[in-house]
Amino acid sequence: MDKKQLRQEMKQKLALLNKPNYEEKSYLIAQRLYQDSDWITAKTVGITVSNPPEVDTYQIIRKAWEQGKTVVVPKCEPKTKLLQFRKLDRFSQLESVFFGLYEPIESVTDEVTVDEIDLLIVPGLAFLEKGYRLGFGGGYYDRFLKDYQGNKLSLAFDLQLVEHLPIETHDQPVPKIITDRQVIVTYD
């Protein structure tokens, strides 16, 4: 099965999650994250603004603010396929862009450099227990991860774990996946 088919299949599986289950599983994932040493020590957290059926990151962003962490969210540059992270102090600094995604408004947010991010929470649609992930199709994160040296992990519903994914040479695995049932350390 190719990546396009896998994306469609996973989106269909995720669409079957009803609201109560989605909320409960997202909550369990967030609770595991808050206990993780990478989260505890991070001062600046890079995270996407979730779009259901992705794991809910709004609660995680709020918790980061409550704990005095700096939150930075990605802005996609479609022409270059590169990510730029910008500091987010409140949700009103977001605007809806393509595919209903929310990104920071450039005029009211400041850019941060890659080396300022202590923990990067890497999104994905499907994951292997070895840390490889199927992204949403733009390759933005694989490009960004090549130069990123900080801690990184992914958040996923247990149902997003799969047995097989087509892995390409440019694919960048994550060392840890936190799900609603477990924390998977993929490599050291």
Protein backbone atom coordinates (compact mmCIF):
# COMPACT_ATOMS: atom_id res chain seq x y z
CA MET A 1 0.00 0.00 0.00
CA ASP A 2 1.40 3.43 -0.90
CA LYS A 3 1.53 6.48 1.36
CA LYS A 4 -1.53 8.09 -0.19
CA GLN A 5 -3.67 4.98 0.46
CA LEU A 6 -2.30 4.68 4.00
CA ARG A 7 -3.18 8.31 4.72
CA GLN A 8 -6.75 7.75 3.50
CA GLU A 9 -7.12 4.55 5.50
CA MET A 10 -5.84 6.16 8.71
CA LYS A 11 -8.04 9.24 8.27
CA GLN A 12 -11.05 6.89 7.95
CA LYS A 13 -10.03 5.00 11.13
CA LEU A 14 -9.60 8.27 13.04
CA ALA A 15 -12.96 9.56 11.80
CA LEU A 16 -14.62 6.68 13.64
CA LEU A 17 -13.43 8.03 17.02
CA ASN A 18 -16.46 9.60 18.65
CA LYS A 19 -16.09 12.85 20.61
CA PRO A 20 -16.06 11.30 24.13
CA ASN A 21 -13.39 8.73 23.13
CA TYR A 22 -11.38 11.37 21.29
CA GLU A 23 -11.43 13.62 24.38
CA GLU A 24 -10.58 10.79 26.80
CA LYS A 25 -7.71 9.44 24.69
CA SER A 26 -6.32 12.95 24.10
CA TYR A 27 -6.48 13.59 27.86
CA LEU A 28 -4.63 10.33 28.65
CA ILE A 29 -1.91 11.19 26.12
CA ALA A 30 -1.52 14.68 27.60
CA GLN A 31 -1.24 13.27 31.14
CA ARG A 32 1.54 10.90 30.02
CA LEU A 33 3.31 13.79 28.28
CA TYR A 34 3.25 15.96 31.43
CA GLN A 35 5.08 13.18 33.33
CA ASP A 36 7.77 12.81 30.66
CA SER A 37 11.25 14.16 31.46
CA ASP A 38 11.53 15.85 28.04
CA TRP A 39 8.38 17.86 28.83
CA ILE A 40 9.39 18.60 32.42
CA THR A 41 12.79 20.02 31.44
CA ALA A 42 11.67 21.90 28.30
CA LYS A 43 11.48 25.67 28.47
CA THR A 44 10.40 26.11 24.84
CA VAL A 45 8.02 23.62 23.22
CA GLY A 46 7.37 23.41 19.48
CA ILE A 47 3.90 22.01 18.78
CA THR A 48 1.28 22.10 16.04
CA VAL A 49 -2.19 23.49 16.62
CA SER A 50 -4.28 20.36 16.25
CA ASN A 51 -7.04 19.85 13.77
CA PRO A 52 -9.34 16.93 14.73
CA PRO A 53 -8.94 14.01 14.49
CA GLU A 54 -5.31 14.70 15.51
CA VAL A 55 -4.52 14.39 19.23
CA ASP A 56 -5.88 17.55 20.88
CA THR A 57 -2.98 19.98 21.44
CA TYR A 58 -5.04 22.94 22.69
CA GLN A 59 -5.04 21.48 26.23
CA ILE A 60 -1.27 20.88 25.97
CA ILE A 61 -0.63 24.45 24.84
CA ARG A 62 -2.70 25.77 27.76
CA LYS A 63 -0.75 23.56 30.21
CA ALA A 64 2.55 24.81 28.77
CA TRP A 65 1.45 28.41 29.35
CA GLU A 66 0.30 27.56 32.89
CA GLN A 67 3.73 26.08 33.58
CA GLY A 68 5.54 29.14 32.24
CA LYS A 69 6.84 27.42 29.10
CA THR A 70 7.28 29.26 25.82
CA VAL A 71 5.06 27.79 23.09
CA VAL A 72 6.13 28.00 19.46
CA VAL A 73 3.96 26.84 16.58
CA PRO A 74 4.82 26.21 12.92
CA LYS A 75 4.14 28.42 9.95
CA CYS A 76 4.40 26.52 6.65
CA GLU A 77 6.09 28.13 3.68
CA PRO A 78 4.38 26.37 0.73
CA LYS A 79 6.84 27.67 -1.90
CA THR A 80 9.92 26.31 -0.12
CA LYS A 81 8.16 23.53 1.85
CA LEU A 82 9.99 24.77 4.96
CA LEU A 83 8.73 25.33 8.51
CA GLN A 84 9.24 28.47 10.52
CA PHE A 85 8.33 28.45 14.21
CA ARG A 86 6.76 31.51 15.84
CA LYS A 87 6.05 32.28 19.49
CA LEU A 88 2.38 31.94 20.50
CA ASP A 89 1.17 33.80 23.60
CA ARG A 90 -2.58 33.43 23.03
CA PHE A 91 -4.91 31.65 20.62
CA SER A 92 -6.07 34.93 19.07
CA GLN A 93 -2.62 35.11 17.39
CA LEU A 94 -3.71 32.31 15.05
CA GLU A 95 -5.36 32.49 11.64
CA SER A 96 -6.99 29.81 9.52
CA VAL A 97 -4.92 28.95 6.45
CA PHE A 98 -5.16 26.12 3.90
CA PHE A 99 -7.10 22.94 4.81
CA GLY A 100 -8.57 24.67 7.89
CA LEU A 101 -5.20 24.57 9.69
CA TYR A 102 -4.37 27.29 12.18
CA GLU A 103 -1.01 29.01 11.96
CA PRO A 104 0.53 32.03 13.69
CA ILE A 105 -0.17 35.47 12.26
CA GLU A 106 3.25 36.78 11.24
CA SER A 107 2.53 40.42 12.08
CA VAL A 108 1.76 39.66 15.76
CA THR A 109 4.20 36.82 16.49
CA ASP A 110 7.98 36.56 16.63
CA GLU A 111 10.05 33.93 14.85
CA VAL A 112 12.28 31.65 16.94
CA THR A 113 15.37 29.83 15.72
CA VAL A 114 15.65 26.06 15.56
CA ASP A 115 18.18 25.98 18.42
CA GLU A 116 15.77 27.78 20.78
CA ILE A 117 13.31 24.84 20.76
CA ASP A 118 13.97 22.37 23.61
CA LEU A 119 11.20 19.92 22.76
CA LEU A 120 9.57 19.41 19.38
CA ILE A 121 6.29 17.50 19.28
CA VAL A 122 6.23 15.99 15.80
CA PRO A 123 2.83 15.31 14.22
CA GLY A 124 1.94 12.29 12.14
CA LEU A 125 -0.92 10.17 10.85
CA ALA A 126 0.52 6.69 11.36
CA PHE A 127 3.54 5.39 13.27
CA LEU A 128 5.78 2.36 13.44
CA GLU A 129 6.99 1.36 16.91
CA LYS A 130 10.51 2.01 15.55
CA GLY A 131 9.68 5.73 15.43
CA TYR A 132 9.06 6.19 11.72
CA ARG A 133 5.96 8.16 10.89
CA LEU A 134 3.65 8.85 8.03
CA GLY A 135 3.16 12.60 7.86
CA PHE A 136 0.43 14.56 6.16
CA GLY A 137 2.19 14.69 2.81
CA GLY A 138 4.23 17.88 2.62
CA GLY A 139 7.56 16.65 3.99
CA TYR A 140 7.84 19.82 6.09
CA TYR A 141 8.83 18.07 9.32
CA ASP A 142 11.34 15.68 7.71
CA ARG A 143 13.13 18.73 6.27
CA PHE A 144 13.02 20.56 9.61
CA LEU A 145 14.21 17.53 11.63
CA LYS A 146 17.42 17.24 9.59
CA ASP A 147 18.79 20.35 11.36
CA TYR A 148 16.99 19.97 14.69
CA GLN A 149 19.17 18.81 17.60
CA GLY A 150 16.75 19.12 20.58
CA ASN A 151 14.43 16.53 22.11
CA LYS A 152 11.57 15.29 19.99
CA LEU A 153 8.62 12.97 20.37
CA SER A 154 5.25 12.26 18.83
CA LEU A 155 1.76 11.99 20.29
CA ALA A 156 -0.60 9.41 18.81
CA PHE A 157 -3.69 7.40 19.53
CA ASP A 158 -2.81 3.72 19.96
CA LEU A 159 -4.86 2.99 16.84
CA GLN A 160 -2.34 5.03 14.80
CA LEU A 161 0.35 2.40 15.39
CA VAL A 162 0.76 0.25 12.30
CA GLU A 163 2.82 -2.81 11.30
CA HIS A 164 4.18 -1.46 8.01
CA LEU A 165 5.02 1.91 6.48
CA PRO A 166 6.96 2.67 3.33
CA ILE A 167 10.21 4.21 4.65
CA GLU A 168 12.26 6.49 2.43
CA THR A 169 15.84 7.69 2.93
CA HIS A 170 14.74 11.23 3.91
CA ASP A 171 12.29 9.99 6.60
CA GLN A 172 13.32 11.08 10.10
CA PRO A 173 12.17 8.83 13.00
CA VAL A 174 11.25 10.12 16.46
CA PRO A 175 12.84 8.57 19.58
CA LYS A 176 9.59 8.42 21.54
CA ILE A 177 5.87 8.03 20.88
CA ILE A 178 3.34 8.74 23.62
CA THR A 179 -0.06 7.10 23.13
CA ASP A 180 -3.21 6.76 25.21
CA ARG A 181 -1.94 3.33 26.38
CA GLN A 182 1.84 3.50 26.49
CA VAL A 183 5.11 5.37 26.05
CA ILE A 184 7.23 3.78 23.34
CA VAL A 185 10.95 4.52 23.37
CA THR A 186 11.90 3.77 19.79
CA TYR A 187 15.69 4.06 19.99
CA ASP A 188 18.43 5.47 22.23
